[in-house]
Amino acid sequence: MFVVVIMVLASTRPILKLAEASMAKVANLFGGSLFAWWFTILALGSVLGSFITEPGAMTISSLLLAKKFYDL
């Protein structure tokens, strides 16, 4: 039940916007290209597991990957 609650909280709009804004800053350091976004989401997304639980970090990463790449 704890994991479900964490995943639901991680998928809320304020948390996603905060994560996307922080990853956008890092991606822009690498040029802001599609590869920079991909690398940032996969690298920084897994590091978020240290600050929040791993299911929450993977939820955020998967939702950002869906928004940035799966639409293409």
PDB file of N, CA and C in Angstrom:
ATOM      1  N   MET A   1       0.817  -1.185   0.000  1.00  0.00           N
ATOM      2  CA  MET A   1       0.000   0.000   0.000  1.00  0.00           C
ATOM      3  C   MET A   1       0.870   1.260   0.000  1.00  0.00           C
ATOM      4  N   PHE A   2       1.991   1.190   0.712  1.00  0.00           N
ATOM      5  CA  PHE A   2       2.898   2.337   0.779  1.00  0.00           C
ATOM      6  C   PHE A   2       3.425   2.698  -0.605  1.00  0.00           C
ATOM      7  N   VAL A   3       3.793   1.691  -1.380  1.00  0.00           N
ATOM      8  CA  VAL A   3       4.344   1.939  -2.719  1.00  0.00           C
ATOM      9  C   VAL A   3       3.297   2.581  -3.613  1.00  0.00           C
ATOM     10  N   VAL A   4       2.063   2.125  -3.530  1.00  0.00           N
ATOM     11  CA  VAL A   4       0.993   2.710  -4.341  1.00  0.00           C
ATOM     12  C   VAL A   4       0.785   4.175  -3.975  1.00  0.00           C
ATOM     13  N   VAL A   5       0.796   4.494  -2.698  1.00  0.00           N
ATOM     14  CA  VAL A   5       0.621   5.878  -2.258  1.00  0.00           C
ATOM     15  C   VAL A   5       1.773   6.753  -2.760  1.00  0.00           C
ATOM     16  N   ILE A   6       2.999   6.253  -2.665  1.00  0.00           N
ATOM     17  CA  ILE A   6       4.155   7.016  -3.146  1.00  0.00           C
ATOM     18  C   ILE A   6       4.073   7.237  -4.650  1.00  0.00           C
ATOM     19  N   MET A   7       3.665   6.225  -5.397  1.00  0.00           N
ATOM     20  CA  MET A   7       3.563   6.367  -6.853  1.00  0.00           C
ATOM     21  C   MET A   7       2.465   7.347  -7.238  1.00  0.00           C
ATOM     22  N   VAL A   8       1.369   7.345  -6.511  1.00  0.00           N
ATOM     23  CA  VAL A   8       0.286   8.299  -6.789  1.00  0.00           C
ATOM     24  C   VAL A   8       0.739   9.719  -6.480  1.00  0.00           C
ATOM     25  N   LEU A   9       1.415   9.915  -5.366  1.00  0.00           N
ATOM     26  CA  LEU A   9       1.906  11.251  -5.019  1.00  0.00           C
ATOM     27  C   LEU A   9       2.963  11.732  -6.008  1.00  0.00           C
ATOM     28  N   ALA A  10       3.817  10.827  -6.472  1.00  0.00           N
ATOM     29  CA  ALA A  10       4.863  11.209  -7.417  1.00  0.00           C
ATOM     30  C   ALA A  10       4.292  11.574  -8.783  1.00  0.00           C
ATOM     31  N   SER A  11       3.115  11.081  -9.103  1.00  0.00           N
ATOM     32  CA  SER A  11       2.549  11.365 -10.418  1.00  0.00           C
ATOM     33  C   SER A  11       1.622  12.581 -10.428  1.00  0.00           C
ATOM     34  N   THR A  12       1.579  13.327  -9.344  1.00  0.00           N
ATOM     35  CA  THR A  12       0.750  14.534  -9.326  1.00  0.00           C
ATOM     36  C   THR A  12       1.423  15.647 -10.124  1.00  0.00           C
ATOM     37  N   ARG A  13       0.624  16.566 -10.602  1.00  0.00           N
ATOM     38  CA  ARG A  13       1.124  17.636 -11.460  1.00  0.00           C
ATOM     39  C   ARG A  13       2.203  18.515 -10.812  1.00  0.00           C
ATOM     40  N   PRO A  14       2.069  18.945  -9.548  1.00  0.00           N
ATOM     41  CA  PRO A  14       3.129  19.787  -8.963  1.00  0.00           C
ATOM     42  C   PRO A  14       4.477  19.070  -8.864  1.00  0.00           C
ATOM     43  N   ILE A  15       4.454  17.805  -8.503  1.00  0.00           N
ATOM     44  CA  ILE A  15       5.704  17.053  -8.399  1.00  0.00           C
ATOM     45  C   ILE A  15       6.327  16.862  -9.782  1.00  0.00           C
ATOM     46  N   LEU A  16       5.503  16.534 -10.770  1.00  0.00           N
ATOM     47  CA  LEU A  16       6.028  16.358 -12.127  1.00  0.00           C
ATOM     48  C   LEU A  16       6.592  17.661 -12.688  1.00  0.00           C
ATOM     49  N   LYS A  17       5.915  18.767 -12.444  1.00  0.00           N
ATOM     50  CA  LYS A  17       6.408  20.061 -12.931  1.00  0.00           C
ATOM     51  C   LYS A  17       7.724  20.441 -12.257  1.00  0.00           C
ATOM     52  N   LEU A  18       7.832  20.171 -10.963  1.00  0.00           N
ATOM     53  CA  LEU A  18       9.082  20.440 -10.256  1.00  0.00           C
ATOM     54  C   LEU A  18      10.217  19.582 -10.798  1.00  0.00           C
ATOM     55  N   ALA A  19       9.951  18.305 -10.996  1.00  0.00           N
ATOM     56  CA  ALA A  19      10.981  17.408 -11.535  1.00  0.00           C
ATOM     57  C   ALA A  19      11.349  17.791 -12.960  1.00  0.00           C
ATOM     58  N   GLU A  20      10.356  18.154 -13.767  1.00  0.00           N
ATOM     59  CA  GLU A  20      10.628  18.537 -15.151  1.00  0.00           C
ATOM     60  C   GLU A  20      11.432  19.830 -15.209  1.00  0.00           C
ATOM     61  N   ALA A  21      11.130  20.782 -14.342  1.00  0.00           N
ATOM     62  CA  ALA A  21      11.869  22.044 -14.327  1.00  0.00           C
ATOM     63  C   ALA A  21      13.319  21.825 -13.906  1.00  0.00           C
ATOM     64  N   SER A  22      13.528  20.972 -12.912  1.00  0.00           N
ATOM     65  CA  SER A  22      14.913  20.716 -12.481  1.00  0.00           C
ATOM     66  C   SER A  22      15.684  19.940 -13.540  1.00  0.00           C
ATOM     67  N   MET A  23      15.025  18.996 -14.200  1.00  0.00           N
ATOM     68  CA  MET A  23      15.706  18.250 -15.259  1.00  0.00           C
ATOM     69  C   MET A  23      15.914  19.111 -16.500  1.00  0.00           C
ATOM     70  N   ALA A  24      15.043  20.094 -16.722  1.00  0.00           N
ATOM     71  CA  ALA A  24      15.220  20.998 -17.859  1.00  0.00           C
ATOM     72  C   ALA A  24      16.479  21.836 -17.693  1.00  0.00           C
ATOM     73  N   LYS A  25      16.752  22.246 -16.460  1.00  0.00           N
ATOM     74  CA  LYS A  25      17.969  23.020 -16.219  1.00  0.00           C
ATOM     75  C   LYS A  25      19.211  22.193 -16.525  1.00  0.00           C
ATOM     76  N   VAL A  26      19.192  20.936 -16.109  1.00  0.00           N
ATOM     77  CA  VAL A  26      20.341  20.069 -16.369  1.00  0.00           C
ATOM     78  C   VAL A  26      20.437  19.742 -17.854  1.00  0.00           C
ATOM     79  N   ALA A  27      19.311  19.475 -18.501  1.00  0.00           N
ATOM     80  CA  ALA A  27      19.319  19.163 -19.930  1.00  0.00           C
ATOM     81  C   ALA A  27      19.799  20.353 -20.745  1.00  0.00           C
ATOM     82  N   ASN A  28      19.454  21.566 -20.315  1.00  0.00           N
ATOM     83  CA  ASN A  28      19.917  22.758 -21.028  1.00  0.00           C
ATOM     84  C   ASN A  28      21.421  22.964 -20.882  1.00  0.00           C
ATOM     85  N   LEU A  29      22.005  22.465 -19.800  1.00  0.00           N
ATOM     86  CA  LEU A  29      23.464  22.516 -19.669  1.00  0.00           C
ATOM     87  C   LEU A  29      24.153  21.655 -20.716  1.00  0.00           C
ATOM     88  N   PHE A  30      23.470  20.580 -21.115  1.00  0.00           N
ATOM     89  CA  PHE A  30      24.007  19.679 -22.142  1.00  0.00           C
ATOM     90  C   PHE A  30      23.544  20.043 -23.545  1.00  0.00           C
ATOM     91  N   GLY A  31      22.907  21.174 -23.697  1.00  0.00           N
ATOM     92  CA  GLY A  31      22.504  21.642 -25.014  1.00  0.00           C
ATOM     93  C   GLY A  31      21.014  21.613 -25.271  1.00  0.00           C
ATOM     94  N   GLY A  32      20.245  20.957 -24.434  1.00  0.00           N
ATOM     95  CA  GLY A  32      18.800  20.939 -24.592  1.00  0.00           C
ATOM     96  C   GLY A  32      18.284  20.073 -25.719  1.00  0.00           C
ATOM     97  N   SER A  33      19.139  19.234 -26.292  1.00  0.00           N
ATOM     98  CA  SER A  33      18.710  18.376 -27.393  1.00  0.00           C
ATOM     99  C   SER A  33      17.888  17.205 -26.863  1.00  0.00           C
ATOM    100  N   LEU A  34      17.374  16.421 -27.776  1.00  0.00           N
ATOM    101  CA  LEU A  34      16.600  15.246 -27.396  1.00  0.00           C
ATOM    102  C   LEU A  34      17.472  14.247 -26.656  1.00  0.00           C
ATOM    103  N   PHE A  35      18.713  14.098 -27.097  1.00  0.00           N
ATOM    104  CA  PHE A  35      19.645  13.206 -26.401  1.00  0.00           C
ATOM    105  C   PHE A  35      19.953  13.725 -25.007  1.00  0.00           C
ATOM    106  N   ALA A  36      20.076  15.032 -24.847  1.00  0.00           N
ATOM    107  CA  ALA A  36      20.335  15.610 -23.526  1.00  0.00           C
ATOM    108  C   ALA A  36      19.171  15.337 -22.583  1.00  0.00           C
ATOM    109  N   TRP A  37      17.950  15.441 -23.080  1.00  0.00           N
ATOM    110  CA  TRP A  37      16.782  15.132 -22.259  1.00  0.00           C
ATOM    111  C   TRP A  37      16.772  13.657 -21.883  1.00  0.00           C
ATOM    112  N   TRP A  38      17.019  12.798 -22.851  1.00  0.00           N
ATOM    113  CA  TRP A  38      17.023  11.356 -22.597  1.00  0.00           C
ATOM    114  C   TRP A  38      18.055  10.999 -21.537  1.00  0.00           C
ATOM    115  N   PHE A  39      19.264  11.509 -21.697  1.00  0.00           N
ATOM    116  CA  PHE A  39      20.337  11.230 -20.752  1.00  0.00           C
ATOM    117  C   PHE A  39      20.003  11.775 -19.363  1.00  0.00           C
ATOM    118  N   THR A  40      19.460  12.978 -19.313  1.00  0.00           N
ATOM    119  CA  THR A  40      19.137  13.606 -18.032  1.00  0.00           C
ATOM    120  C   THR A  40      18.039  12.850 -17.305  1.00  0.00           C
ATOM    121  N   ILE A  41      17.014  12.454 -18.031  1.00  0.00           N
ATOM    122  CA  ILE A  41      15.918  11.721 -17.385  1.00  0.00           C
ATOM    123  C   ILE A  41      16.415  10.383 -16.851  1.00  0.00           C
ATOM    124  N   LEU A  42      17.211   9.677 -17.639  1.00  0.00           N
ATOM    125  CA  LEU A  42      17.679   8.366 -17.181  1.00  0.00           C
ATOM    126  C   LEU A  42      18.736   8.476 -16.086  1.00  0.00           C
ATOM    127  N   ALA A  43      19.593   9.473 -16.150  1.00  0.00           N
ATOM    128  CA  ALA A  43      20.645   9.611 -15.135  1.00  0.00           C
ATOM    129  C   ALA A  43      20.114  10.278 -13.872  1.00  0.00           C
ATOM    130  N   LEU A  44      19.474  11.418 -14.020  1.00  0.00           N
ATOM    131  CA  LEU A  44      18.996  12.157 -12.854  1.00  0.00           C
ATOM    132  C   LEU A  44      17.756  11.501 -12.246  1.00  0.00           C
ATOM    133  N   GLY A  45      16.966  10.855 -13.082  1.00  0.00           N
ATOM    134  CA  GLY A  45      15.781  10.172 -12.577  1.00  0.00           C
ATOM    135  C   GLY A  45      16.119   9.058 -11.614  1.00  0.00           C
ATOM    136  N   SER A  46      17.164   8.328 -11.900  1.00  0.00           N
ATOM    137  CA  SER A  46      17.557   7.252 -10.986  1.00  0.00           C
ATOM    138  C   SER A  46      18.202   7.806  -9.710  1.00  0.00           C
ATOM    139  N   VAL A  47      18.838   8.960  -9.809  1.00  0.00           N
ATOM    140  CA  VAL A  47      19.423   9.592  -8.622  1.00  0.00           C
ATOM    141  C   VAL A  47      18.325  10.106  -7.693  1.00  0.00           C
ATOM    142  N   LEU A  48      17.168  10.455  -8.262  1.00  0.00           N
ATOM    143  CA  LEU A  48      16.045  10.894  -7.430  1.00  0.00           C
ATOM    144  C   LEU A  48      15.611   9.809  -6.458  1.00  0.00           C
ATOM    145  N   GLY A  49      15.914   8.553  -6.767  1.00  0.00           N
ATOM    146  CA  GLY A  49      15.584   7.466  -5.865  1.00  0.00           C
ATOM    147  C   GLY A  49      16.277   7.582  -4.525  1.00  0.00           C
ATOM    148  N   SER A  50      17.369   8.328  -4.460  1.00  0.00           N
ATOM    149  CA  SER A  50      18.062   8.546  -3.195  1.00  0.00           C
ATOM    150  C   SER A  50      17.309   9.540  -2.315  1.00  0.00           C
ATOM    151  N   PHE A  51      16.608  10.474  -2.942  1.00  0.00           N
ATOM    152  CA  PHE A  51      15.890  11.496  -2.192  1.00  0.00           C
ATOM    153  C   PHE A  51      14.455  11.093  -1.887  1.00  0.00           C
ATOM    154  N   ILE A  52      13.836  10.421  -2.832  1.00  0.00           N
ATOM    155  CA  ILE A  52      12.495   9.883  -2.625  1.00  0.00           C
ATOM    156  C   ILE A  52      12.593   8.380  -2.828  1.00  0.00           C
ATOM    157  N   THR A  53      11.520   7.677  -2.670  1.00  0.00           N
ATOM    158  CA  THR A  53      11.606   6.227  -2.847  1.00  0.00           C
ATOM    159  C   THR A  53      11.832   5.885  -4.308  1.00  0.00           C
ATOM    160  N   GLU A  54      12.371   4.721  -4.541  1.00  0.00           N
ATOM    161  CA  GLU A  54      12.669   4.285  -5.910  1.00  0.00           C
ATOM    162  C   GLU A  54      11.410   4.161  -6.777  1.00  0.00           C
ATOM    163  N   PRO A  55      10.292   3.641  -6.270  1.00  0.00           N
ATOM    164  CA  PRO A  55       9.088   3.619  -7.126  1.00  0.00           C
ATOM    165  C   PRO A  55       8.623   5.020  -7.524  1.00  0.00           C
ATOM    166  N   GLY A  56       8.771   5.983  -6.633  1.00  0.00           N
ATOM    167  CA  GLY A  56       8.401   7.354  -6.975  1.00  0.00           C
ATOM    168  C   GLY A  56       9.300   7.939  -8.046  1.00  0.00           C
ATOM    169  N   ALA A  57      10.599   7.676  -7.943  1.00  0.00           N
ATOM    170  CA  ALA A  57      11.545   8.178  -8.936  1.00  0.00           C
ATOM    171  C   ALA A  57      11.314   7.537 -10.296  1.00  0.00           C
ATOM    172  N   MET A  58      11.022   6.251 -10.306  1.00  0.00           N
ATOM    173  CA  MET A  58      10.768   5.566 -11.572  1.00  0.00           C
ATOM    174  C   MET A  58       9.443   6.013 -12.184  1.00  0.00           C
ATOM    175  N   THR A  59       8.466   6.350 -11.353  1.00  0.00           N
ATOM    176  CA  THR A  59       7.204   6.884 -11.858  1.00  0.00           C
ATOM    177  C   THR A  59       7.429   8.231 -12.534  1.00  0.00           C
ATOM    178  N   ILE A  60       8.186   9.099 -11.890  1.00  0.00           N
ATOM    179  CA  ILE A  60       8.491  10.410 -12.462  1.00  0.00           C
ATOM    180  C   ILE A  60       9.270  10.251 -13.766  1.00  0.00           C
ATOM    181  N   SER A  61      10.274   9.398 -13.771  1.00  0.00           N
ATOM    182  CA  SER A  61      11.082   9.193 -14.966  1.00  0.00           C
ATOM    183  C   SER A  61      10.255   8.624 -16.112  1.00  0.00           C
ATOM    184  N   SER A  62       9.408   7.660 -15.817  1.00  0.00           N
ATOM    185  CA  SER A  62       8.612   7.055 -16.880  1.00  0.00           C
ATOM    186  C   SER A  62       7.586   8.043 -17.442  1.00  0.00           C
ATOM    187  N   LEU A  63       6.994   8.867 -16.597  1.00  0.00           N
ATOM    188  CA  LEU A  63       6.039   9.850 -17.095  1.00  0.00           C
ATOM    189  C   LEU A  63       6.726  10.925 -17.930  1.00  0.00           C
ATOM    190  N   LEU A  64       7.935  11.334 -17.538  1.00  0.00           N
ATOM    191  CA  LEU A  64       8.668  12.313 -18.339  1.00  0.00           C
ATOM    192  C   LEU A  64       9.146  11.707 -19.659  1.00  0.00           C
ATOM    193  N   LEU A  65       9.573  10.445 -19.631  1.00  0.00           N
ATOM    194  CA  LEU A  65       9.949   9.775 -20.882  1.00  0.00           C
ATOM    195  C   LEU A  65       8.746   9.662 -21.810  1.00  0.00           C
ATOM    196  N   ALA A  66       7.594   9.352 -21.245  1.00  0.00           N
ATOM    197  CA  ALA A  66       6.382   9.256 -22.075  1.00  0.00           C
ATOM    198  C   ALA A  66       6.053  10.607 -22.699  1.00  0.00           C
ATOM    199  N   LYS A  67       6.222  11.665 -21.947  1.00  0.00           N
ATOM    200  CA  LYS A  67       5.893  12.995 -22.451  1.00  0.00           C
ATOM    201  C   LYS A  67       6.886  13.459 -23.522  1.00  0.00           C
ATOM    202  N   LYS A  68       8.170  13.175 -23.310  1.00  0.00           N
ATOM    203  CA  LYS A  68       9.195  13.709 -24.201  1.00  0.00           C
ATOM    204  C   LYS A  68       9.476  12.806 -25.404  1.00  0.00           C
ATOM    205  N   PHE A  69       9.348  11.474 -25.262  1.00  0.00           N
ATOM    206  CA  PHE A  69       9.811  10.585 -26.314  1.00  0.00           C
ATOM    207  C   PHE A  69       8.721   9.734 -26.947  1.00  0.00           C
ATOM    208  N   TYR A  70       7.834   9.193 -26.149  1.00  0.00           N
ATOM    209  CA  TYR A  70       6.867   8.260 -26.700  1.00  0.00           C
ATOM    210  C   TYR A  70       5.853   8.956 -27.587  1.00  0.00           C
ATOM    211  N   ASP A  71       5.688  10.266 -27.429  1.00  0.00           N
ATOM    212  CA  ASP A  71       4.821  11.025 -28.323  1.00  0.00           C
ATOM    213  C   ASP A  71       5.411  11.114 -29.729  1.00  0.00           C
ATOM    214  N   LEU A  72       6.753  11.032 -29.802  1.00  0.00           N
ATOM    215  CA  LEU A  72       7.417  11.127 -31.105  1.00  0.00           C
ATOM    216  C   LEU A  72       7.251   9.836 -31.879  1.00  0.00           C
TER     217      LEU A  72
END
